[in-house]
N, C-alpha and C. Protein backbone atom coordinates (compact mmCIF):
# COMPACT_ATOMS: atom_id res chain seq x y z
N MET A 1 -62.26 34.52 -124.33
CA MET A 1 -62.90 35.88 -123.64
C MET A 1 -62.16 36.80 -123.78
N LEU A 2 -62.23 37.48 -124.01
CA LEU A 2 -61.56 38.98 -123.98
C LEU A 2 -61.15 39.02 -122.86
N ARG A 3 -59.88 39.70 -122.56
CA ARG A 3 -59.79 40.66 -120.88
C ARG A 3 -59.90 42.04 -121.48
N HIS A 4 -60.01 42.51 -119.55
CA HIS A 4 -60.35 43.94 -119.75
C HIS A 4 -59.63 45.12 -120.48
N ASP A 5 -58.02 44.35 -120.63
CA ASP A 5 -57.57 46.23 -121.28
C ASP A 5 -57.92 45.64 -122.75
N GLU A 6 -58.29 44.13 -123.21
CA GLU A 6 -58.49 44.38 -124.34
C GLU A 6 -59.52 44.39 -124.69
N ILE A 7 -60.33 44.77 -124.32
CA ILE A 7 -61.79 45.48 -124.34
C ILE A 7 -61.60 47.09 -124.42
N VAL A 8 -60.56 47.60 -123.29
CA VAL A 8 -60.62 49.06 -123.20
C VAL A 8 -59.45 49.85 -124.44
N THR A 9 -59.08 49.01 -124.66
CA THR A 9 -58.39 49.36 -125.84
C THR A 9 -59.27 49.77 -127.32
N ALA A 10 -59.52 48.30 -127.57
CA ALA A 10 -60.73 48.25 -128.47
C ALA A 10 -61.94 49.57 -128.61
N VAL A 11 -62.25 49.72 -127.64
CA VAL A 11 -63.53 50.71 -127.18
C VAL A 11 -62.23 52.30 -127.78
N THR A 12 -61.42 52.24 -127.03
CA THR A 12 -60.63 53.13 -127.26
C THR A 12 -60.14 53.83 -128.83
N ARG A 13 -60.00 52.86 -128.98
CA ARG A 13 -59.35 52.95 -130.52
C ARG A 13 -60.75 53.53 -131.62
N SER A 14 -61.61 52.65 -131.21
CA SER A 14 -62.72 53.32 -132.36
C SER A 14 -64.32 54.13 -131.59
N ASP A 15 -63.96 54.97 -130.65
CA ASP A 15 -64.18 55.98 -129.51
C ASP A 15 -63.79 56.53 -128.91
N PRO A 16 -62.33 57.39 -129.48
CA PRO A 16 -61.80 57.96 -128.09
C PRO A 16 -62.42 58.37 -127.26
N GLY A 17 -63.27 59.25 -127.73
CA GLY A 17 -64.00 60.05 -127.31
C GLY A 17 -65.68 59.78 -125.89
N GLY A 18 -66.18 58.64 -126.81
CA GLY A 18 -67.01 58.31 -125.92
C GLY A 18 -66.02 56.97 -124.69
N ALA A 19 -64.73 56.57 -124.84
CA ALA A 19 -64.40 55.57 -124.10
C ALA A 19 -63.89 56.88 -122.59
N GLU A 20 -63.02 58.25 -123.18
CA GLU A 20 -62.95 59.04 -122.07
C GLU A 20 -64.14 59.30 -121.20
N ALA A 21 -65.69 59.49 -121.52
CA ALA A 21 -66.62 60.06 -121.39
C ALA A 21 -67.15 58.73 -120.42
N ALA A 22 -66.86 57.71 -120.61
CA ALA A 22 -67.60 56.65 -119.89
C ALA A 22 -66.43 56.17 -118.58
N CYS A 23 -65.22 56.78 -118.86
CA CYS A 23 -64.46 56.37 -117.60
C CYS A 23 -64.45 57.80 -117.11
N ARG A 24 -65.14 58.68 -117.49
CA ARG A 24 -65.15 59.52 -116.61
C ARG A 24 -66.76 59.82 -115.46
N GLU A 25 -67.44 59.10 -115.96
CA GLU A 25 -68.50 58.88 -115.15
C GLU A 25 -68.28 57.47 -114.24
N HIS A 26 -67.76 56.87 -114.70
CA HIS A 26 -67.55 55.86 -113.89
C HIS A 26 -66.83 56.09 -112.73
N ILE A 27 -65.82 57.03 -112.73
CA ILE A 27 -64.93 57.36 -111.27
C ILE A 27 -66.20 58.67 -111.30
N ARG A 28 -66.80 58.89 -111.66
CA ARG A 28 -67.76 60.43 -111.02
C ARG A 28 -68.70 58.97 -110.19
N SER A 29 -68.81 58.11 -110.52
CA SER A 29 -69.88 57.17 -110.16
C SER A 29 -69.48 56.59 -108.40
N VAL A 30 -68.27 56.31 -108.53
CA VAL A 30 -67.18 55.10 -107.59
C VAL A 30 -67.37 56.30 -106.46
N PHE A 31 -66.71 57.54 -107.00
CA PHE A 31 -66.58 59.04 -105.80
C PHE A 31 -68.39 59.25 -105.40
N ALA A 32 -69.29 59.20 -106.03
CA ALA A 32 -71.01 59.36 -105.76
C ALA A 32 -71.00 57.65 -104.75
N ASP A 33 -70.67 56.70 -104.75
CA ASP A 33 -70.68 56.08 -103.97
C ASP A 33 -70.15 55.75 -102.65
N LEU A 34 -69.22 56.56 -102.84
CA LEU A 34 -68.07 56.68 -101.16
C LEU A 34 -68.42 57.95 -100.68
N ILE A 35 -69.02 59.18 -101.22
CA ILE A 35 -69.50 59.89 -100.62
C ILE A 35 -70.62 59.80 -99.60
N ASN A 36 -71.97 58.78 -100.42
CA ASN A 36 -72.79 58.70 -100.22
C ASN A 36 -72.86 57.79 -98.65
N ALA A 37 -71.85 56.50 -99.02
CA ALA A 37 -71.39 55.84 -97.60
C ALA A 37 -70.51 56.82 -96.85
N LEU A 38 -70.23 57.42 -96.96
CA LEU A 38 -69.33 58.49 -95.80
C LEU A 38 -70.23 58.62 -94.08
N PRO A 39 -71.38 59.46 -94.52
CA PRO A 39 -72.09 59.15 -93.34
C PRO A 39 -72.39 58.01 -92.31
N GLU A 40 -72.78 56.77 -92.47
CA GLU A 40 -73.01 56.03 -91.92
C GLU A 40 -71.93 55.25 -91.48
N GLN A 41 -70.42 55.56 -92.17
CA GLN A 41 -69.13 54.71 -91.86
C GLN A 41 -68.85 56.04 -90.64
N LEU A 42 -69.39 57.41 -90.57
CA LEU A 42 -69.04 57.78 -89.78
C LEU A 42 -69.49 57.62 -88.48
N THR A 43 -71.03 57.49 -88.42
CA THR A 43 -71.51 57.29 -86.66
C THR A 43 -71.79 55.48 -86.70
N ARG A 44 -71.34 55.08 -87.52
CA ARG A 44 -70.77 53.56 -86.58
C ARG A 44 -70.12 53.40 -85.54
N THR A 45 -70.87 52.62 -84.39
CA THR A 45 -69.88 52.26 -83.26
C THR A 45 -68.26 51.39 -83.99
N PRO A 46 -67.45 51.89 -84.09
CA PRO A 46 -66.46 50.64 -83.93
C PRO A 46 -66.33 48.95 -83.33
N THR A 47 -66.15 47.84 -84.39
CA THR A 47 -66.08 46.93 -83.18
C THR A 47 -64.42 46.34 -83.45
N ALA A 48 -64.85 45.65 -82.18
CA ALA A 48 -62.86 45.36 -82.02
C ALA A 48 -63.03 43.82 -82.05
């Protein structure tokens, strides 16, 4: 089974622009998830 870094290297070599776009979209998605979860985290009562 290919490791993650081997897959990324193969994709980057075959389509550098596509690999960059996929990375940007992934980062955008992660930040969107974090931002969407923020209001709940701010209003939740902390538990000891």
